[in-house]
Amino acid sequence: MFKYTLDNKRYNTLNYYLKTKFNSKVCKISLNAGFTCPNIDGTKGFGGCIYCSKTGSGEFGGDKEKPLKEQFEDVKKVIDRKWPNSKYIAYFQARTNTYAPLEVLKEKYEEVLQFDNVIGIFIATRCDAISPEVLDYLEDLNKRTFLVIELGLQTIHDKTSKLINRCHTLKEFDDMVKNLRERNINVSVHIINGLPYETKEMMLDTVRHLNTLDIQGIKIHMLNIIKDTPLEKLYKKEKFHLLTKEEYIDITINQLELLDPKIVIHRITSDPDPKELLGPDWLIKKFGVLNDIDKEMVRRDTYQGKYFKT
């Protein structure tokens, strides 16, 4: 059996990590604090990344018109019916959640720490949107709660990064990981499989690079083509290859085999809004994808870190 598991998983799931760390079921509650992004307002670019939806990839991140407390309680009521007495992580998901004046960030973060049974904060952001003063504040926050900074990378390849309009460099990303880790702040990284024109080997190279960094978690997504995005226009024009479910499973398992087994897998497939999704259709059946990954790992008799080299 894989070392970091409580069930049939052959990779280090976030559920396993949180349950063993807090001795309790821990649930994330996605929130939308109404932030924007330097890649939208012109500071770094315009229009955002080409795959970004109108909600800034925060489809399940709550209604930004509602107070954070109301957003939190709406989701908590649903979770409590299935897992009563859970602990919670407040997840700032939509857009770039460190991209605001420090006093605004403090107000938002400190507020959610007062909610019942909140034991931590996850913050999704960009490597180029954490100022030195915010870094200092995050260092203090990390001493008072369980903190994870989720950095979007998507790919290490410059050509792809320019195509998807990321507007930051790999060096900026690597430097921010180093800055956060020097403050003992946990880092999780978001990558996307199936980006236009990337080969399997390019996707594996992204994971190989992450193994050289001091990261604690990773999110692996499949590219979603969402309505009314620049990506939709590109796909309709150029008809680039979309990974089949079988291709995605194969690549993802190969990535897991390369990854340090101590790195926590926060997500291993996408969870798009079916009403907004143009493709690939197989993503709608999220649990089917998860089950097929499990079955294929058993069939191959493989596990996370099988080919990891220190």
Protein backbone atom coordinates (compact mmCIF):
# COMPACT_ATOMS: atom_id res chain seq x y z
CA MET A 1 0.00 0.00 0.00
CA PHE A 2 1.14 3.56 -0.76
CA LYS A 3 2.60 5.17 2.36
CA TYR A 4 0.47 8.34 2.42
CA THR A 5 -3.06 6.92 2.22
CA LEU A 6 -6.03 5.86 4.29
CA ASP A 7 -7.91 4.24 1.41
CA ASN A 8 -7.26 2.87 -2.07
CA LYS A 9 -5.50 5.99 -3.37
CA ARG A 10 -1.97 5.60 -4.63
CA TYR A 11 -1.17 9.27 -4.35
CA ASN A 12 -0.92 11.71 -1.45
CA THR A 13 -4.37 13.27 -1.33
CA LEU A 14 -5.27 16.52 0.38
CA ASN A 15 -7.98 14.64 2.28
CA TYR A 16 -5.35 12.27 3.73
CA TYR A 17 -3.01 15.12 4.59
CA LEU A 18 -5.64 17.22 6.37
CA LYS A 19 -7.25 14.29 8.18
CA THR A 20 -3.92 13.12 9.60
CA LYS A 21 -2.78 16.66 10.43
CA PHE A 22 -5.97 17.77 12.21
CA ASN A 23 -7.44 14.40 13.23
CA SER A 24 -10.76 15.47 11.72
CA LYS A 25 -12.60 15.85 8.45
CA VAL A 26 -11.50 19.20 7.02
CA CYS A 27 -13.47 20.88 4.21
CA LYS A 28 -12.49 23.81 2.01
CA ILE A 29 -15.06 26.54 1.48
CA SER A 30 -14.42 28.62 -1.63
CA LEU A 31 -14.94 32.35 -1.29
CA ASN A 32 -15.02 35.27 -3.70
CA ALA A 33 -13.64 38.42 -2.09
CA GLY A 34 -14.13 40.54 -5.20
CA PHE A 35 -10.47 40.94 -6.14
CA THR A 36 -9.24 41.67 -9.66
CA CYS A 37 -5.97 40.63 -11.33
CA PRO A 38 -2.86 42.44 -12.62
CA ASN A 39 -3.35 40.50 -15.82
CA ILE A 40 -6.78 42.08 -16.31
CA ASP A 41 -6.47 45.69 -15.17
CA GLY A 42 -3.47 46.49 -17.39
CA THR A 43 -0.74 46.32 -14.74
CA LYS A 44 0.72 43.23 -16.43
CA GLY A 45 -1.76 42.55 -19.21
CA PHE A 46 -5.35 42.81 -20.40
CA GLY A 47 -8.11 40.26 -20.62
CA GLY A 48 -6.60 37.74 -18.22
CA CYS A 49 -5.32 34.31 -19.17
CA ILE A 50 -7.03 33.08 -22.33
CA TYR A 51 -8.85 30.26 -20.51
CA CYS A 52 -10.17 32.41 -17.64
CA SER A 53 -13.92 32.59 -17.24
CA LYS A 54 -15.77 35.73 -16.25
CA THR A 55 -15.48 34.64 -12.63
CA GLY A 56 -11.70 34.36 -12.84
CA SER A 57 -11.66 30.55 -12.60
CA GLY A 58 -13.73 30.79 -9.44
CA GLU A 59 -16.97 29.21 -10.65
CA PHE A 60 -17.63 27.76 -7.22
CA GLY A 61 -16.11 30.63 -5.30
CA GLY A 62 -19.28 32.26 -4.06
CA ASP A 63 -21.15 35.42 -5.00
CA LYS A 64 -18.86 38.43 -4.60
CA GLU A 65 -21.93 40.59 -3.95
CA LYS A 66 -22.52 38.70 -0.71
CA PRO A 67 -20.49 39.28 2.46
CA LEU A 68 -17.82 36.65 3.14
CA LYS A 69 -19.71 35.44 6.20
CA GLU A 70 -22.86 34.79 4.16
CA GLN A 71 -20.88 33.01 1.41
CA PHE A 72 -19.23 30.85 4.05
CA GLU A 73 -22.45 29.95 5.84
CA ASP A 74 -24.26 29.07 2.59
CA VAL A 75 -21.69 26.37 1.82
CA LYS A 76 -21.22 25.29 5.44
CA LYS A 77 -24.92 24.42 5.76
CA VAL A 78 -24.62 21.97 2.88
CA ILE A 79 -21.38 20.42 4.14
CA ASP A 80 -22.71 20.02 7.69
CA ARG A 81 -25.47 17.73 6.45
CA LYS A 82 -22.87 15.28 5.14
CA TRP A 83 -19.99 15.84 7.55
CA PRO A 84 -21.22 17.33 10.83
CA ASN A 85 -18.56 18.66 13.20
CA SER A 86 -16.08 19.28 10.41
CA LYS A 87 -13.27 21.80 10.53
CA TYR A 88 -12.96 24.32 7.72
CA ILE A 89 -10.45 26.05 5.50
CA ALA A 90 -11.43 29.40 4.02
CA TYR A 91 -10.30 29.28 0.38
CA PHE A 92 -9.88 32.61 -1.41
CA GLN A 93 -10.23 31.23 -4.94
CA ALA A 94 -11.49 33.69 -7.55
CA ARG A 95 -8.89 35.79 -9.39
CA THR A 96 -5.74 37.08 -7.62
CA ASN A 97 -6.25 37.11 -3.88
CA THR A 98 -3.18 39.04 -2.76
CA TYR A 99 -3.71 41.80 -5.30
CA ALA A 100 -5.04 44.59 -3.10
CA PRO A 101 -3.74 47.08 -0.53
CA LEU A 102 -2.44 45.41 2.60
CA GLU A 103 -5.18 46.86 4.81
CA VAL A 104 -7.83 45.32 2.53
CA LEU A 105 -6.15 41.92 2.63
CA LYS A 106 -5.86 42.05 6.40
CA GLU A 107 -9.55 42.89 6.74
CA LYS A 108 -10.58 39.93 4.56
CA TYR A 109 -8.19 37.34 6.00
CA GLU A 110 -8.66 38.30 9.63
CA GLU A 111 -12.44 38.22 9.23
CA VAL A 112 -12.57 34.60 8.07
CA LEU A 113 -10.28 33.47 10.89
CA GLN A 114 -13.10 34.42 13.28
CA PHE A 115 -15.61 32.07 11.63
CA ASP A 116 -16.53 28.95 13.59
CA ASN A 117 -14.13 26.01 13.22
CA VAL A 118 -11.92 27.71 10.60
CA ILE A 119 -8.44 26.27 11.08
CA GLY A 120 -6.72 27.67 8.02
CA ILE A 121 -6.68 29.84 4.92
CA PHE A 122 -5.78 28.90 1.34
CA ILE A 123 -5.00 31.85 -0.93
CA ALA A 124 -4.92 31.52 -4.73
CA THR A 125 -2.70 34.12 -6.35
CA ARG A 126 0.07 34.90 -8.84
CA CYS A 127 3.80 34.97 -8.24
CA ASP A 128 4.00 38.61 -9.41
CA ALA A 129 1.22 39.86 -7.13
CA ILE A 130 2.72 39.49 -3.66
CA SER A 131 4.43 42.68 -2.50
CA PRO A 132 7.22 42.69 0.13
CA GLU A 133 4.85 44.12 2.74
CA VAL A 134 2.26 41.43 1.97
CA LEU A 135 4.98 38.80 2.27
CA ASP A 136 5.80 40.09 5.74
CA TYR A 137 2.14 39.97 6.73
CA LEU A 138 1.75 36.42 5.36
CA GLU A 139 4.74 35.38 7.44
CA ASP A 140 2.95 36.63 10.55
CA LEU A 141 -0.35 35.06 9.47
CA ASN A 142 1.39 31.73 8.96
CA LYS A 143 2.38 31.71 12.63
CA ARG A 144 -1.26 32.05 13.68
CA THR A 145 -3.09 29.68 11.34
CA PHE A 146 -2.59 26.92 8.76
CA LEU A 147 -1.72 28.87 5.62
CA VAL A 148 -1.21 27.69 2.04
CA ILE A 149 -0.37 30.02 -0.83
CA GLU A 150 -1.57 28.56 -4.12
CA LEU A 151 0.53 29.89 -7.00
CA GLY A 152 -0.65 29.58 -10.58
CA LEU A 153 2.09 28.39 -12.92
CA GLN A 154 0.27 26.28 -15.54
CA THR A 155 3.44 25.50 -17.52
CA ILE A 156 7.20 26.08 -17.40
CA HIS A 157 7.38 26.63 -21.17
CA ASP A 158 7.78 30.26 -22.28
CA LYS A 159 6.12 29.77 -25.66
CA THR A 160 2.98 28.34 -24.08
CA SER A 161 3.02 30.91 -21.29
CA LYS A 162 3.00 33.73 -23.85
CA LEU A 163 0.24 32.05 -25.85
CA ILE A 164 -2.04 31.79 -22.82
CA ASN A 165 -1.18 35.37 -21.75
CA ARG A 166 0.28 34.57 -18.31
CA CYS A 167 2.42 37.74 -18.33
CA HIS A 168 5.00 36.49 -15.82
CA THR A 169 8.27 34.60 -16.20
CA LEU A 170 9.38 31.27 -14.81
CA LYS A 171 12.11 33.10 -12.88
CA GLU A 172 9.50 35.28 -11.18
CA PHE A 173 7.65 32.13 -10.19
CA ASP A 174 10.74 30.33 -8.88
CA ASP A 175 11.82 33.42 -6.94
CA MET A 176 8.43 33.76 -5.25
CA VAL A 177 8.44 30.10 -4.22
CA LYS A 178 11.85 30.73 -2.65
CA ASN A 179 10.62 33.89 -0.90
CA LEU A 180 7.61 32.11 0.57
CA ARG A 181 9.59 29.10 1.71
CA GLU A 182 12.21 31.30 3.39
CA ARG A 183 9.27 32.40 5.58
CA ASN A 184 8.21 28.79 6.11
CA ILE A 185 4.94 29.34 4.21
CA ASN A 186 3.47 26.28 2.48
CA VAL A 187 3.21 26.54 -1.31
CA SER A 188 0.88 24.68 -3.64
CA VAL A 189 1.25 25.01 -7.41
CA HIS A 190 -1.46 24.95 -10.08
CA ILE A 191 -0.60 23.37 -13.45
CA ILE A 192 -2.72 22.61 -16.52
CA ASN A 193 -2.42 19.59 -18.77
CA GLY A 194 -3.52 19.82 -22.38
CA LEU A 195 -2.53 23.42 -23.04
CA PRO A 196 -2.49 24.20 -26.78
CA TYR A 197 0.34 22.48 -28.68
CA GLU A 198 2.09 21.08 -25.62
CA THR A 199 3.39 17.52 -25.94
CA LYS A 200 3.29 14.87 -23.26
CA GLU A 201 7.01 15.37 -22.65
CA MET A 202 6.52 19.11 -22.15
CA MET A 203 3.87 18.41 -19.49
CA LEU A 204 6.20 15.96 -17.76
CA ASP A 205 8.99 18.56 -17.87
CA THR A 206 6.76 20.96 -15.91
CA VAL A 207 6.52 18.39 -13.10
CA ARG A 208 10.23 17.62 -13.28
CA HIS A 209 10.94 21.30 -12.73
CA LEU A 210 8.57 21.47 -9.76
CA ASN A 211 10.48 18.61 -8.17
CA THR A 212 13.51 20.91 -8.04
CA LEU A 213 11.59 23.45 -5.96
CA ASP A 214 10.54 23.31 -2.33
CA ILE A 215 6.78 22.99 -2.80
CA GLN A 216 4.28 21.22 -0.57
CA GLY A 217 1.30 20.75 -2.87
CA ILE A 218 0.12 20.63 -6.46
CA LYS A 219 -3.13 20.98 -8.38
CA ILE A 220 -3.30 19.18 -11.72
CA HIS A 221 -6.04 20.36 -14.06
CA MET A 222 -7.17 19.48 -17.54
CA LEU A 223 -7.64 22.43 -19.87
CA ASN A 224 -11.26 23.58 -19.99
CA ILE A 225 -12.64 25.46 -22.96
CA ILE A 226 -15.18 27.82 -21.44
CA LYS A 227 -17.73 29.90 -23.32
CA ASP A 228 -16.92 33.53 -24.09
CA THR A 229 -13.16 33.25 -23.51
CA PRO A 230 -10.25 33.99 -25.85
CA LEU A 231 -9.47 30.27 -25.65
CA GLU A 232 -12.83 29.49 -27.25
CA LYS A 233 -11.95 31.75 -30.19
CA LEU A 234 -8.49 30.17 -30.55
CA TYR A 235 -9.92 26.66 -30.49
CA LYS A 236 -12.59 27.42 -33.07
CA LYS A 237 -9.97 29.00 -35.31
CA GLU A 238 -7.12 26.49 -35.00
CA LYS A 239 -8.79 23.29 -33.73
CA PHE A 240 -5.75 22.33 -31.63
CA HIS A 241 -5.82 18.84 -30.12
CA LEU A 242 -7.78 18.36 -26.92
CA LEU A 243 -6.56 15.48 -24.79
CA THR A 244 -8.83 12.47 -24.65
CA LYS A 245 -9.69 11.12 -21.21
CA GLU A 246 -7.29 8.23 -21.80
CA GLU A 247 -4.46 10.60 -22.76
CA TYR A 248 -5.11 12.78 -19.73
CA ILE A 249 -5.08 9.80 -17.38
CA ASP A 250 -1.86 8.47 -18.89
CA ILE A 251 -0.04 11.82 -18.63
CA THR A 252 -1.32 12.51 -15.12
CA ILE A 253 -0.22 9.12 -13.84
CA ASN A 254 3.20 9.62 -15.39
CA GLN A 255 3.41 12.99 -13.62
CA LEU A 256 2.46 11.38 -10.31
CA GLU A 257 5.15 8.75 -10.78
CA LEU A 258 7.75 11.51 -11.13
CA LEU A 259 6.53 13.62 -8.20
CA ASP A 260 8.06 13.56 -4.74
CA PRO A 261 5.60 11.38 -2.75
CA LYS A 262 5.55 13.97 0.06
CA ILE A 263 3.96 16.57 -2.23
CA VAL A 264 0.23 16.73 -1.48
CA ILE A 265 -2.13 16.38 -4.44
CA HIS A 266 -4.76 19.07 -3.89
CA ARG A 267 -6.63 18.26 -7.11
CA ILE A 268 -6.14 15.83 -9.95
CA THR A 269 -8.86 16.76 -12.44
CA SER A 270 -10.95 19.78 -13.38
CA ASP A 271 -14.41 20.60 -12.06
CA PRO A 272 -15.96 22.87 -14.69
CA ASP A 273 -19.45 24.31 -14.72
CA PRO A 274 -21.29 22.10 -17.26
CA LYS A 275 -23.38 25.06 -18.42
CA GLU A 276 -20.25 26.97 -19.44
CA LEU A 277 -18.10 24.09 -20.72
CA LEU A 278 -17.50 23.70 -24.46
CA GLY A 279 -15.05 20.83 -24.12
CA PRO A 280 -13.82 18.29 -23.48
CA ASP A 281 -17.15 16.74 -22.53
CA TRP A 282 -15.59 13.93 -20.49
CA LEU A 283 -14.65 16.43 -17.78
CA ILE A 284 -18.27 16.66 -16.68
CA LYS A 285 -18.01 13.22 -15.06
CA LYS A 286 -15.42 14.22 -12.47
CA PHE A 287 -15.74 11.14 -10.29
CA GLY A 288 -15.52 8.90 -13.32
CA VAL A 289 -12.15 10.46 -14.16
CA LEU A 290 -10.96 10.04 -10.56
CA ASN A 291 -12.06 6.41 -10.49
CA ASP A 292 -10.40 5.68 -13.82
CA ILE A 293 -7.12 7.16 -12.56
CA ASP A 294 -7.31 4.89 -9.50
CA LYS A 295 -8.09 1.82 -11.60
CA GLU A 296 -5.28 2.51 -14.07
CA MET A 297 -2.77 3.01 -11.27
CA VAL A 298 -3.78 -0.36 -9.83
CA ARG A 299 -3.56 -1.98 -13.28
CA ARG A 300 -0.03 -0.57 -13.75
CA ASP A 301 0.86 -1.36 -10.14
CA THR A 302 2.22 2.16 -9.78
CA TYR A 303 2.09 5.02 -7.28
CA GLN A 304 3.14 8.62 -6.68
CA GLY A 305 6.92 8.89 -6.54
CA LYS A 306 7.68 5.53 -8.16
CA TYR A 307 10.29 7.19 -10.35
CA PHE A 308 11.08 10.14 -8.09
CA LYS A 309 14.80 10.81 -7.80
CA THR A 310 16.16 12.82 -4.89
